[in-house]
Amino acid sequence: MASESDRIARAGDYVFGLMNDIERRRAERDLEIDPAFRDAVQRLAERMRAFDPAAPADGATDKRWNLFT
């Protein structure tokens, strides 16, 4: 069983596209069968959306930093 920090690091590697093909396929399989890993990937991906340059520029960007507090 992976520790929480290992899971978060692996989720980061997946979200940022830092995995080789074999690791990525394994992670994609784990997304289907491992709820803890799936949740870690989802949480990280949601946080990274705050940095999406295509997001609306209606002043909401100033509030995005609140996601990290």
PDB file of N, CA and C in Angstrom:
ATOM      1  N   MET A   1       0.837  -1.169   0.000  1.00  0.00           N
ATOM      2  CA  MET A   1       0.000   0.000   0.000  1.00  0.00           C
ATOM      3  C   MET A   1       0.892   1.245   0.000  1.00  0.00           C
ATOM      4  N   ALA A   2       0.569   2.181  -0.861  1.00  0.00           N
ATOM      5  CA  ALA A   2       1.355   3.402  -0.980  1.00  0.00           C
ATOM      6  C   ALA A   2       0.979   4.386   0.115  1.00  0.00           C
ATOM      7  N   SER A   3       1.971   5.140   0.560  1.00  0.00           N
ATOM      8  CA  SER A   3       1.683   6.178   1.544  1.00  0.00           C
ATOM      9  C   SER A   3       0.978   7.339   0.842  1.00  0.00           C
ATOM     10  N   GLU A   4       0.382   8.203   1.628  1.00  0.00           N
ATOM     11  CA  GLU A   4      -0.325   9.356   1.062  1.00  0.00           C
ATOM     12  C   GLU A   4       0.625  10.239   0.259  1.00  0.00           C
ATOM     13  N   SER A   5       1.836  10.452   0.753  1.00  0.00           N
ATOM     14  CA  SER A   5       2.791  11.299   0.025  1.00  0.00           C
ATOM     15  C   SER A   5       3.214  10.647  -1.283  1.00  0.00           C
ATOM     16  N   ASP A   6       3.387   9.330  -1.288  1.00  0.00           N
ATOM     17  CA  ASP A   6       3.717   8.626  -2.530  1.00  0.00           C
ATOM     18  C   ASP A   6       2.570   8.731  -3.526  1.00  0.00           C
ATOM     19  N   ARG A   7       1.357   8.608  -3.020  1.00  0.00           N
ATOM     20  CA  ARG A   7       0.169   8.691  -3.881  1.00  0.00           C
ATOM     21  C   ARG A   7       0.066  10.074  -4.512  1.00  0.00           C
ATOM     22  N   ILE A   8       0.300  11.122  -3.713  1.00  0.00           N
ATOM     23  CA  ILE A   8       0.228  12.492  -4.216  1.00  0.00           C
ATOM     24  C   ILE A   8       1.332  12.735  -5.253  1.00  0.00           C
ATOM     25  N   ALA A   9       2.520  12.235  -4.984  1.00  0.00           N
ATOM     26  CA  ALA A   9       3.624  12.391  -5.935  1.00  0.00           C
ATOM     27  C   ALA A   9       3.303  11.686  -7.248  1.00  0.00           C
ATOM     28  N   ARG A  10       2.754  10.506  -7.159  1.00  0.00           N
ATOM     29  CA  ARG A  10       2.396   9.753  -8.369  1.00  0.00           C
ATOM     30  C   ARG A  10       1.266  10.452  -9.130  1.00  0.00           C
ATOM     31  N   ALA A  11       0.297  10.980  -8.396  1.00  0.00           N
ATOM     32  CA  ALA A  11      -0.786  11.736  -9.029  1.00  0.00           C
ATOM     33  C   ALA A  11      -0.224  12.954  -9.750  1.00  0.00           C
ATOM     34  N   GLY A  12       0.735  13.616  -9.138  1.00  0.00           N
ATOM     35  CA  GLY A  12       1.382  14.758  -9.780  1.00  0.00           C
ATOM     36  C   GLY A  12       2.086  14.361 -11.060  1.00  0.00           C
ATOM     37  N   ASP A  13       2.798  13.260 -11.009  1.00  0.00           N
ATOM     38  CA  ASP A  13       3.472  12.782 -12.215  1.00  0.00           C
ATOM     39  C   ASP A  13       2.464  12.504 -13.328  1.00  0.00           C
ATOM     40  N   TYR A  14       1.315  11.953 -12.959  1.00  0.00           N
ATOM     41  CA  TYR A  14       0.281  11.659 -13.954  1.00  0.00           C
ATOM     42  C   TYR A  14      -0.323  12.948 -14.511  1.00  0.00           C
ATOM     43  N   VAL A  15      -0.711  13.856 -13.632  1.00  0.00           N
ATOM     44  CA  VAL A  15      -1.354  15.098 -14.059  1.00  0.00           C
ATOM     45  C   VAL A  15      -0.418  15.937 -14.921  1.00  0.00           C
ATOM     46  N   PHE A  16       0.854  15.980 -14.564  1.00  0.00           N
ATOM     47  CA  PHE A  16       1.811  16.790 -15.305  1.00  0.00           C
ATOM     48  C   PHE A  16       2.404  16.065 -16.512  1.00  0.00           C
ATOM     49  N   GLY A  17       1.997  14.827 -16.745  1.00  0.00           N
ATOM     50  CA  GLY A  17       2.471  14.092 -17.918  1.00  0.00           C
ATOM     51  C   GLY A  17       3.930  13.683 -17.826  1.00  0.00           C
ATOM     52  N   LEU A  18       4.389  13.365 -16.637  1.00  0.00           N
ATOM     53  CA  LEU A  18       5.794  13.022 -16.435  1.00  0.00           C
ATOM     54  C   LEU A  18       6.062  11.513 -16.465  1.00  0.00           C
ATOM     55  N   MET A  19       5.041  10.723 -16.761  1.00  0.00           N
ATOM     56  CA  MET A  19       5.191   9.265 -16.752  1.00  0.00           C
ATOM     57  C   MET A  19       5.538   8.752 -18.138  1.00  0.00           C
ATOM     58  N   ASN A  20       6.297   7.658 -18.165  1.00  0.00           N
ATOM     59  CA  ASN A  20       6.523   6.994 -19.435  1.00  0.00           C
ATOM     60  C   ASN A  20       5.254   6.205 -19.790  1.00  0.00           C
ATOM     61  N   ASP A  21       5.230   5.599 -20.956  1.00  0.00           N
ATOM     62  CA  ASP A  21       4.016   4.917 -21.429  1.00  0.00           C
ATOM     63  C   ASP A  21       3.555   3.807 -20.487  1.00  0.00           C
ATOM     64  N   ILE A  22       4.489   3.027 -19.980  1.00  0.00           N
ATOM     65  CA  ILE A  22       4.120   1.919 -19.088  1.00  0.00           C
ATOM     66  C   ILE A  22       3.536   2.451 -17.782  1.00  0.00           C
ATOM     67  N   GLU A  23       4.197   3.456 -17.191  1.00  0.00           N
ATOM     68  CA  GLU A  23       3.693   4.038 -15.946  1.00  0.00           C
ATOM     69  C   GLU A  23       2.324   4.676 -16.151  1.00  0.00           C
ATOM     70  N   ARG A  24       2.146   5.357 -17.299  1.00  0.00           N
ATOM     71  CA  ARG A  24       0.865   6.009 -17.577  1.00  0.00           C
ATOM     72  C   ARG A  24      -0.254   4.988 -17.710  1.00  0.00           C
ATOM     73  N   ARG A  25       0.007   3.895 -18.422  1.00  0.00           N
ATOM     74  CA  ARG A  25      -1.019   2.848 -18.561  1.00  0.00           C
ATOM     75  C   ARG A  25      -1.365   2.248 -17.205  1.00  0.00           C
ATOM     76  N   ARG A  26      -0.362   2.033 -16.371  1.00  0.00           N
ATOM     77  CA  ARG A  26      -0.606   1.496 -15.028  1.00  0.00           C
ATOM     78  C   ARG A  26      -1.425   2.493 -14.204  1.00  0.00           C
ATOM     79  N   ALA A  27      -1.091   3.765 -14.305  1.00  0.00           N
ATOM     80  CA  ALA A  27      -1.836   4.783 -13.569  1.00  0.00           C
ATOM     81  C   ALA A  27      -3.276   4.860 -14.059  1.00  0.00           C
ATOM     82  N   GLU A  28      -3.482   4.764 -15.360  1.00  0.00           N
ATOM     83  CA  GLU A  28      -4.842   4.810 -15.899  1.00  0.00           C
ATOM     84  C   GLU A  28      -5.654   3.597 -15.448  1.00  0.00           C
ATOM     85  N   ARG A  29      -5.022   2.452 -15.329  1.00  0.00           N
ATOM     86  CA  ARG A  29      -5.707   1.285 -14.777  1.00  0.00           C
ATOM     87  C   ARG A  29      -6.046   1.525 -13.306  1.00  0.00           C
ATOM     88  N   ASP A  30      -5.094   2.100 -12.574  1.00  0.00           N
ATOM     89  CA  ASP A  30      -5.319   2.375 -11.160  1.00  0.00           C
ATOM     90  C   ASP A  30      -6.411   3.414 -10.943  1.00  0.00           C
ATOM     91  N   LEU A  31      -6.585   4.323 -11.886  1.00  0.00           N
ATOM     92  CA  LEU A  31      -7.676   5.287 -11.775  1.00  0.00           C
ATOM     93  C   LEU A  31      -9.027   4.575 -11.724  1.00  0.00           C
ATOM     94  N   GLU A  32      -9.112   3.444 -12.397  1.00  0.00           N
ATOM     95  CA  GLU A  32     -10.359   2.681 -12.436  1.00  0.00           C
ATOM     96  C   GLU A  32     -10.578   1.845 -11.179  1.00  0.00           C
ATOM     97  N   ILE A  33      -9.495   1.388 -10.545  1.00  0.00           N
ATOM     98  CA  ILE A  33      -9.646   0.422  -9.460  1.00  0.00           C
ATOM     99  C   ILE A  33      -9.226   0.923  -8.085  1.00  0.00           C
ATOM    100  N   ASP A  34      -8.546   2.066  -8.016  1.00  0.00           N
ATOM    101  CA  ASP A  34      -8.029   2.569  -6.738  1.00  0.00           C
ATOM    102  C   ASP A  34      -8.666   3.927  -6.414  1.00  0.00           C
ATOM    103  N   PRO A  35      -9.688   3.927  -5.576  1.00  0.00           N
ATOM    104  CA  PRO A  35     -10.378   5.185  -5.275  1.00  0.00           C
ATOM    105  C   PRO A  35      -9.472   6.250  -4.649  1.00  0.00           C
ATOM    106  N   ALA A  36      -8.515   5.851  -3.845  1.00  0.00           N
ATOM    107  CA  ALA A  36      -7.627   6.831  -3.210  1.00  0.00           C
ATOM    108  C   ALA A  36      -6.751   7.522  -4.250  1.00  0.00           C
ATOM    109  N   PHE A  37      -6.233   6.755  -5.201  1.00  0.00           N
ATOM    110  CA  PHE A  37      -5.414   7.348  -6.265  1.00  0.00           C
ATOM    111  C   PHE A  37      -6.283   8.231  -7.158  1.00  0.00           C
ATOM    112  N   ARG A  38      -7.465   7.764  -7.495  1.00  0.00           N
ATOM    113  CA  ARG A  38      -8.385   8.536  -8.332  1.00  0.00           C
ATOM    114  C   ARG A  38      -8.717   9.871  -7.660  1.00  0.00           C
ATOM    115  N   ASP A  39      -8.973   9.847  -6.366  1.00  0.00           N
ATOM    116  CA  ASP A  39      -9.276  11.081  -5.638  1.00  0.00           C
ATOM    117  C   ASP A  39      -8.075  12.028  -5.628  1.00  0.00           C
ATOM    118  N   ALA A  40      -6.884  11.479  -5.463  1.00  0.00           N
ATOM    119  CA  ALA A  40      -5.678  12.315  -5.453  1.00  0.00           C
ATOM    120  C   ALA A  40      -5.485  12.990  -6.809  1.00  0.00           C
ATOM    121  N   VAL A  41      -5.674  12.242  -7.886  1.00  0.00           N
ATOM    122  CA  VAL A  41      -5.543  12.809  -9.232  1.00  0.00           C
ATOM    123  C   VAL A  41      -6.599  13.888  -9.445  1.00  0.00           C
ATOM    124  N   GLN A  42      -7.818  13.609  -9.053  1.00  0.00           N
ATOM    125  CA  GLN A  42      -8.901  14.564  -9.241  1.00  0.00           C
ATOM    126  C   GLN A  42      -8.651  15.850  -8.458  1.00  0.00           C
ATOM    127  N   ARG A  43      -8.240  15.728  -7.203  1.00  0.00           N
ATOM    128  CA  ARG A  43      -7.964  16.920  -6.389  1.00  0.00           C
ATOM    129  C   ARG A  43      -6.862  17.766  -7.009  1.00  0.00           C
ATOM    130  N   LEU A  44      -5.784  17.120  -7.444  1.00  0.00           N
ATOM    131  CA  LEU A  44      -4.673  17.855  -8.028  1.00  0.00           C
ATOM    132  C   LEU A  44      -5.074  18.499  -9.351  1.00  0.00           C
ATOM    133  N   ALA A  45      -5.794  17.772 -10.180  1.00  0.00           N
ATOM    134  CA  ALA A  45      -6.233  18.317 -11.470  1.00  0.00           C
ATOM    135  C   ALA A  45      -7.147  19.522 -11.263  1.00  0.00           C
ATOM    136  N   GLU A  46      -8.025  19.452 -10.276  1.00  0.00           N
ATOM    137  CA  GLU A  46      -8.909  20.581  -9.993  1.00  0.00           C
ATOM    138  C   GLU A  46      -8.119  21.800  -9.543  1.00  0.00           C
ATOM    139  N   ARG A  47      -7.110  21.584  -8.744  1.00  0.00           N
ATOM    140  CA  ARG A  47      -6.271  22.708  -8.306  1.00  0.00           C
ATOM    141  C   ARG A  47      -5.478  23.297  -9.462  1.00  0.00           C
ATOM    142  N   MET A  48      -5.035  22.472 -10.373  1.00  0.00           N
ATOM    143  CA  MET A  48      -4.258  22.959 -11.509  1.00  0.00           C
ATOM    144  C   MET A  48      -5.118  23.771 -12.483  1.00  0.00           C
ATOM    145  N   ARG A  49      -6.426  23.524 -12.482  1.00  0.00           N
ATOM    146  CA  ARG A  49      -7.307  24.303 -13.358  1.00  0.00           C
ATOM    147  C   ARG A  49      -7.256  25.779 -13.005  1.00  0.00           C
ATOM    148  N   ALA A  50      -6.874  26.106 -11.792  1.00  0.00           N
ATOM    149  CA  ALA A  50      -6.766  27.505 -11.385  1.00  0.00           C
ATOM    150  C   ALA A  50      -5.720  28.244 -12.204  1.00  0.00           C
ATOM    151  N   PHE A  51      -4.806  27.516 -12.794  1.00  0.00           N
ATOM    152  CA  PHE A  51      -3.745  28.127 -13.587  1.00  0.00           C
ATOM    153  C   PHE A  51      -4.025  28.070 -15.082  1.00  0.00           C
ATOM    154  N   ASP A  52      -5.247  27.712 -15.455  1.00  0.00           N
ATOM    155  CA  ASP A  52      -5.636  27.580 -16.858  1.00  0.00           C
ATOM    156  C   ASP A  52      -5.674  28.954 -17.512  1.00  0.00           C
ATOM    157  N   PRO A  53      -4.815  29.187 -18.508  1.00  0.00           N
ATOM    158  CA  PRO A  53      -4.806  30.497 -19.159  1.00  0.00           C
ATOM    159  C   PRO A  53      -6.073  30.765 -19.972  1.00  0.00           C
ATOM    160  N   ALA A  54      -6.856  29.760 -20.265  1.00  0.00           N
ATOM    161  CA  ALA A  54      -8.078  29.941 -21.041  1.00  0.00           C
ATOM    162  C   ALA A  54      -9.278  30.260 -20.162  1.00  0.00           C
ATOM    163  N   ALA A  55      -9.074  30.367 -18.871  1.00  0.00           N
ATOM    164  CA  ALA A  55     -10.169  30.656 -17.947  1.00  0.00           C
ATOM    165  C   ALA A  55     -10.652  32.083 -18.149  1.00  0.00           C
ATOM    166  N   PRO A  56     -11.890  32.366 -17.826  1.00  0.00           N
ATOM    167  CA  PRO A  56     -12.430  33.714 -18.013  1.00  0.00           C
ATOM    168  C   PRO A  56     -11.669  34.753 -17.199  1.00  0.00           C
ATOM    169  N   ALA A  57     -11.473  35.900 -17.807  1.00  0.00           N
ATOM    170  CA  ALA A  57     -10.734  36.986 -17.151  1.00  0.00           C
ATOM    171  C   ALA A  57     -11.719  38.006 -16.588  1.00  0.00           C
ATOM    172  N   ASP A  58     -12.624  37.567 -15.749  1.00  0.00           N
ATOM    173  CA  ASP A  58     -13.664  38.440 -15.202  1.00  0.00           C
ATOM    174  C   ASP A  58     -13.386  38.839 -13.760  1.00  0.00           C
ATOM    175  N   GLY A  59     -12.135  38.777 -13.368  1.00  0.00           N
ATOM    176  CA  GLY A  59     -11.799  39.103 -11.996  1.00  0.00           C
ATOM    177  C   GLY A  59     -11.761  37.891 -11.085  1.00  0.00           C
ATOM    178  N   ALA A  60     -12.236  36.768 -11.566  1.00  0.00           N
ATOM    179  CA  ALA A  60     -12.245  35.556 -10.751  1.00  0.00           C
ATOM    180  C   ALA A  60     -10.839  35.049 -10.487  1.00  0.00           C
ATOM    181  N   THR A  61      -9.893  35.454 -11.312  1.00  0.00           N
ATOM    182  CA  THR A  61      -8.532  34.954 -11.136  1.00  0.00           C
ATOM    183  C   THR A  61      -7.954  35.359  -9.790  1.00  0.00           C
ATOM    184  N   ASP A  62      -8.345  36.527  -9.283  1.00  0.00           N
ATOM    185  CA  ASP A  62      -7.840  36.953  -7.977  1.00  0.00           C
ATOM    186  C   ASP A  62      -8.336  36.033  -6.875  1.00  0.00           C
ATOM    187  N   LYS A  63      -9.483  35.440  -7.045  1.00  0.00           N
ATOM    188  CA  LYS A  63     -10.060  34.567  -6.032  1.00  0.00           C
ATOM    189  C   LYS A  63      -9.485  33.160  -6.107  1.00  0.00           C
ATOM    190  N   ARG A  64      -8.788  32.845  -7.177  1.00  0.00           N
ATOM    191  CA  ARG A  64      -8.269  31.489  -7.359  1.00  0.00           C
ATOM    192  C   ARG A  64      -7.265  31.101  -6.290  1.00  0.00           C
ATOM    193  N   TRP A  65      -6.520  32.064  -5.780  1.00  0.00           N
ATOM    194  CA  TRP A  65      -5.523  31.738  -4.778  1.00  0.00           C
ATOM    195  C   TRP A  65      -6.184  31.207  -3.508  1.00  0.00           C
ATOM    196  N   ASN A  66      -7.451  31.513  -3.303  1.00  0.00           N
ATOM    197  CA  ASN A  66      -8.164  31.004  -2.138  1.00  0.00           C
ATOM    198  C   ASN A  66      -8.299  29.482  -2.175  1.00  0.00           C
ATOM    199  N   LEU A  67      -8.186  28.894  -3.354  1.00  0.00           N
ATOM    200  CA  LEU A  67      -8.259  27.442  -3.466  1.00  0.00           C
ATOM    201  C   LEU A  67      -7.121  26.765  -2.719  1.00  0.00           C
ATOM    202  N   PHE A  68      -6.029  27.464  -2.545  1.00  0.00           N
ATOM    203  CA  PHE A  68      -4.829  26.865  -1.964  1.00  0.00           C
ATOM    204  C   PHE A  68      -4.660  27.177  -0.490  1.00  0.00           C
ATOM    205  N   THR A  69      -5.635  27.839   0.094  1.00  0.00           N
ATOM    206  CA  THR A  69      -5.504  28.172   1.512  1.00  0.00           C
ATOM    207  C   THR A  69      -6.426  27.335   2.345  1.00  0.00           C
TER     208      THR A  69
END
